[in-house]
Amino acid sequence: MPAAVYLEIGPKRTFAGAVEWPGWCRSGRGEDEALAALVAYAPRYAAVVAGSGMAFSASTDLEVVEQLKGGSGTDFGVPSEAPNADDRPLSAAELDRQSRLLTASWDAFDAAWSEATKAKVELRKGPRGGGRDLPKMENHVLEAEEAYLAQLGSRWPRMPGATVADRMAVVRATALDVLGARARGEPIADPRQTKRPWSPRYFVRRSAWHVLDHAWEIEDRS
């Protein structure tokens, strides 16, 4: 079966994302280039999925099922539009699957960052990420995960004096709890007045994309 894919088409950049596989999302200067990039990254995504204990077929057979109009965020390099499929509710089984994929994506970043840090790798300078070094990239990922948790409708835990790693661990644990509450229609423990909260599926999609984008960036720039 071909993998269902959506396209987010901006004036200068296009993202191609797999509908059922959050985090498998790449961009290019047009539709063909974005789809080619998605296929090229299939083996790398398969390695991430393997960490979740699930099977992933790195198929090169894609079917575009939806096209979204992108904007300035798209051209800046961030997939900013949610496909219609992300409005679907999450069953208990699908919540478990999405949570495992998100956790595997977090683990992939942590492994790439830790390996590069222990090896004292100096990342090559370049346009990706503004040339962030490893400590700045870890801080950036934490700040993004805090912002994403807010978009899910929750406040992030305040931990003055804690290390980045400790803060990230608590933010991620909170995110999984809030994700489950949102999926089940239960109250959130520490709600935030978010005007346009993300759907649970889009939260996983955006979070997995961002952390994998930086995991692969570390690998490419090491």
Protein backbone atom coordinates (compact mmCIF):
# COMPACT_ATOMS: atom_id res chain seq x y z
CA MET A 1 0.00 0.00 0.00
CA PRO A 2 1.34 3.46 -0.83
CA ALA A 3 2.02 5.77 2.08
CA ALA A 4 -0.56 8.57 2.36
CA VAL A 5 1.19 11.92 2.17
CA TYR A 6 0.06 15.54 2.44
CA LEU A 7 1.80 18.56 0.93
CA GLU A 8 2.09 21.96 2.57
CA ILE A 9 2.87 24.31 -0.31
CA GLY A 10 4.35 27.72 0.37
CA PRO A 11 5.48 30.32 -2.17
CA LYS A 12 9.11 29.16 -1.96
CA ARG A 13 9.16 25.90 0.01
CA THR A 14 7.02 22.77 0.18
CA PHE A 15 6.79 20.19 2.95
CA ALA A 16 5.78 16.57 2.36
CA GLY A 17 4.57 14.69 5.43
CA ALA A 18 3.32 11.15 5.97
CA VAL A 19 -0.22 11.24 7.35
CA GLU A 20 0.11 8.21 9.62
CA TRP A 21 3.78 8.56 10.55
CA PRO A 22 4.44 11.74 12.57
CA GLY A 23 8.01 12.95 12.22
CA TRP A 24 8.48 11.58 8.70
CA CYS A 25 8.33 15.00 7.08
CA ARG A 26 10.82 16.73 4.78
CA SER A 27 10.89 19.82 2.60
CA GLY A 28 12.13 20.99 -0.77
CA ARG A 29 11.88 23.90 -3.15
CA GLY A 30 8.88 22.33 -4.84
CA GLU A 31 6.55 19.35 -4.65
CA ASP A 32 8.84 16.92 -6.46
CA GLU A 33 11.86 17.89 -4.38
CA ALA A 34 9.91 17.58 -1.13
CA LEU A 35 8.60 14.13 -2.05
CA ALA A 36 12.08 13.01 -3.10
CA ALA A 37 13.48 14.20 0.23
CA LEU A 38 10.77 12.29 2.09
CA VAL A 39 11.72 9.09 0.27
CA ALA A 40 15.41 9.71 0.90
CA TYR A 41 14.82 10.00 4.65
CA ALA A 42 12.68 6.86 4.91
CA PRO A 43 15.58 4.64 6.11
CA ARG A 44 16.52 7.18 8.78
CA TYR A 45 12.93 7.38 9.95
CA ALA A 46 12.73 3.59 9.96
CA ALA A 47 15.65 3.53 12.42
CA VAL A 48 13.71 5.88 14.71
CA VAL A 49 10.55 3.76 14.54
CA ALA A 50 12.58 0.67 15.38
CA GLY A 51 13.23 2.27 18.76
CA SER A 52 9.49 2.21 19.45
CA GLY A 53 9.24 -1.51 18.84
CA MET A 54 6.98 -1.02 15.83
CA ALA A 55 7.56 -2.04 12.24
CA PHE A 56 7.93 0.54 9.49
CA SER A 57 8.19 -0.22 5.81
CA ALA A 58 10.43 2.36 4.14
CA SER A 59 8.23 2.42 1.07
CA THR A 60 9.07 4.69 -1.85
CA ASP A 61 5.48 4.44 -3.07
CA LEU A 62 3.67 7.62 -2.00
CA GLU A 63 0.13 8.87 -2.57
CA VAL A 64 -0.62 12.56 -2.12
CA VAL A 65 -4.02 12.72 -0.43
CA GLU A 66 -4.17 16.39 0.57
CA GLN A 67 -2.62 19.73 -0.35
CA LEU A 68 -2.46 22.61 2.12
CA LYS A 69 -1.64 26.24 1.46
CA GLY A 70 1.49 27.21 3.32
CA GLY A 71 2.73 30.68 4.18
CA SER A 72 5.64 32.52 5.72
CA GLY A 73 6.21 29.78 8.32
CA THR A 74 6.45 27.19 5.57
CA ASP A 75 9.01 29.24 3.67
CA PHE A 76 10.94 29.87 6.89
CA GLY A 77 11.34 26.10 7.24
CA VAL A 78 8.60 25.05 9.66
CA PRO A 79 5.61 22.87 8.68
CA SER A 80 2.84 25.03 10.08
CA GLU A 81 -0.43 23.58 8.79
CA ALA A 82 -2.29 20.54 10.10
CA PRO A 83 -3.75 18.03 7.63
CA ASN A 84 -7.44 17.24 7.99
CA ALA A 85 -6.55 13.78 9.26
CA ASP A 86 -5.22 15.35 12.45
CA ASP A 87 -8.75 16.28 13.47
CA ARG A 88 -9.59 12.61 14.03
CA PRO A 89 -9.99 11.47 17.64
CA LEU A 90 -7.39 9.19 19.17
CA SER A 91 -8.51 5.75 20.27
CA ALA A 92 -6.67 4.14 23.16
CA ALA A 93 -4.64 2.02 20.74
CA GLU A 94 -3.75 4.96 18.52
CA LEU A 95 -2.88 7.12 21.53
CA ASP A 96 -0.42 4.43 22.60
CA ARG A 97 1.03 4.25 19.08
CA GLN A 98 1.41 8.02 18.76
CA SER A 99 2.96 8.29 22.21
CA ARG A 100 5.48 5.59 21.36
CA LEU A 101 6.43 7.31 18.11
CA LEU A 102 6.87 10.63 19.89
CA THR A 103 8.97 9.03 22.62
CA ALA A 104 11.13 7.30 19.99
CA SER A 105 11.67 10.68 18.31
CA TRP A 106 12.74 12.23 21.61
CA ASP A 107 15.07 9.31 22.18
CA ALA A 108 16.62 9.77 18.73
CA PHE A 109 17.46 13.39 19.50
CA ASP A 110 18.83 12.55 22.93
CA ALA A 111 21.03 9.82 21.48
CA ALA A 112 22.39 12.04 18.69
CA TRP A 113 23.02 14.93 21.09
CA SER A 114 24.61 12.73 23.75
CA GLU A 115 26.88 10.91 21.31
CA ALA A 116 28.07 14.18 19.75
CA THR A 117 28.58 15.75 23.17
CA LYS A 118 30.59 12.83 24.56
CA ALA A 119 32.74 12.81 21.43
CA LYS A 120 33.24 16.58 21.85
CA VAL A 121 32.10 17.10 18.28
CA GLU A 122 32.22 20.64 16.98
CA LEU A 123 29.30 20.99 14.61
CA ARG A 124 30.12 22.37 11.20
CA LYS A 125 28.83 25.91 10.72
CA GLY A 126 26.09 26.42 8.19
CA PRO A 127 22.64 27.85 7.57
CA ARG A 128 20.68 25.11 9.37
CA GLY A 129 19.67 26.19 12.85
CA GLY A 130 21.67 29.40 12.54
CA GLY A 131 24.83 27.46 13.28
CA ARG A 132 23.81 26.54 16.85
CA ASP A 133 26.36 24.61 18.86
CA LEU A 134 25.27 21.58 20.92
CA PRO A 135 24.38 23.38 24.20
CA LYS A 136 22.38 26.04 22.33
CA MET A 137 20.58 23.37 20.33
CA GLU A 138 19.58 21.51 23.49
CA ASN A 139 18.21 24.76 24.94
CA HIS A 140 16.36 25.48 21.71
CA VAL A 141 14.72 22.05 21.71
CA LEU A 142 13.65 22.49 25.35
CA GLU A 143 12.15 25.92 24.65
CA ALA A 144 10.28 24.54 21.66
CA GLU A 145 8.90 21.63 23.69
CA GLU A 146 7.70 24.04 26.36
CA ALA A 147 6.00 26.14 23.68
CA TYR A 148 4.43 23.05 22.11
CA LEU A 149 3.11 21.94 25.50
CA ALA A 150 1.46 25.36 25.81
CA GLN A 151 -0.12 24.84 22.38
CA LEU A 152 -1.56 21.57 23.68
CA GLY A 153 -3.28 23.62 26.39
CA SER A 154 -1.05 23.15 29.42
CA ARG A 155 1.43 25.20 31.39
CA TRP A 156 4.93 23.83 31.55
CA PRO A 157 6.52 23.04 34.92
CA ARG A 158 8.72 25.77 36.39
CA MET A 159 11.99 24.36 37.69
CA PRO A 160 14.36 27.19 38.70
CA GLY A 161 17.95 26.01 38.94
CA ALA A 162 17.30 22.63 37.30
CA THR A 163 19.48 21.39 34.47
CA VAL A 164 18.22 21.48 30.90
CA ALA A 165 18.10 17.68 30.85
CA ASP A 166 16.02 17.51 34.02
CA ARG A 167 13.64 20.21 32.79
CA MET A 168 13.25 18.43 29.47
CA ALA A 169 12.46 15.11 31.15
CA VAL A 170 9.69 16.72 33.23
CA VAL A 171 8.27 18.65 30.26
CA ARG A 172 8.11 15.46 28.21
CA ALA A 173 6.46 13.47 30.97
CA THR A 174 3.93 16.26 31.39
CA ALA A 175 3.33 16.34 27.65
CA LEU A 176 2.48 12.63 27.57
CA ASP A 177 0.07 13.08 30.51
CA VAL A 178 -1.63 16.05 28.86
CA LEU A 179 -1.73 14.28 25.50
CA GLY A 180 -3.55 11.38 27.13
CA ALA A 181 -5.97 13.67 28.94
CA ARG A 182 -6.78 15.57 25.75
CA ALA A 183 -7.28 12.35 23.80
CA ARG A 184 -9.66 10.96 26.45
CA GLY A 185 -11.51 14.26 26.94
CA GLU A 186 -10.37 14.55 30.55
CA PRO A 187 -9.45 17.75 32.43
CA ILE A 188 -5.84 18.94 32.19
CA ALA A 189 -4.04 19.19 35.52
CA ASP A 190 -2.60 22.66 34.93
CA PRO A 191 -4.55 24.17 32.02
CA ARG A 192 -3.49 27.23 30.07
CA GLN A 193 -5.79 29.62 28.23
CA THR A 194 -4.60 28.81 24.72
CA LYS A 195 -6.72 30.52 22.07
CA ARG A 196 -6.25 27.95 19.32
CA PRO A 197 -4.93 24.75 20.94
CA TRP A 198 -3.41 22.12 18.71
CA SER A 199 -5.16 18.81 18.26
CA PRO A 200 -3.44 15.86 19.96
CA ARG A 201 -2.42 14.39 16.62
CA TYR A 202 -0.94 17.65 15.37
CA PHE A 203 0.94 18.12 18.63
CA VAL A 204 2.63 14.76 18.10
CA ARG A 205 3.27 15.52 14.43
CA ARG A 206 4.85 18.93 15.07
CA SER A 207 6.84 17.76 18.10
CA ALA A 208 8.22 14.68 16.36
CA TRP A 209 9.15 16.66 13.24
CA HIS A 210 11.02 19.31 15.21
CA VAL A 211 13.05 17.01 17.40
CA LEU A 212 13.94 14.67 14.52
CA ASP A 213 14.91 17.59 12.31
CA HIS A 214 17.50 18.57 14.90
CA ALA A 215 18.59 14.98 15.56
CA TRP A 216 19.35 14.55 11.88
CA GLU A 217 20.95 17.99 11.76
CA ILE A 218 23.39 16.92 14.48
CA GLU A 219 24.24 13.79 12.51
CA ASP A 220 24.71 15.74 9.28
CA ARG A 221 26.79 18.50 10.82
CA SER A 222 28.99 16.24 12.96
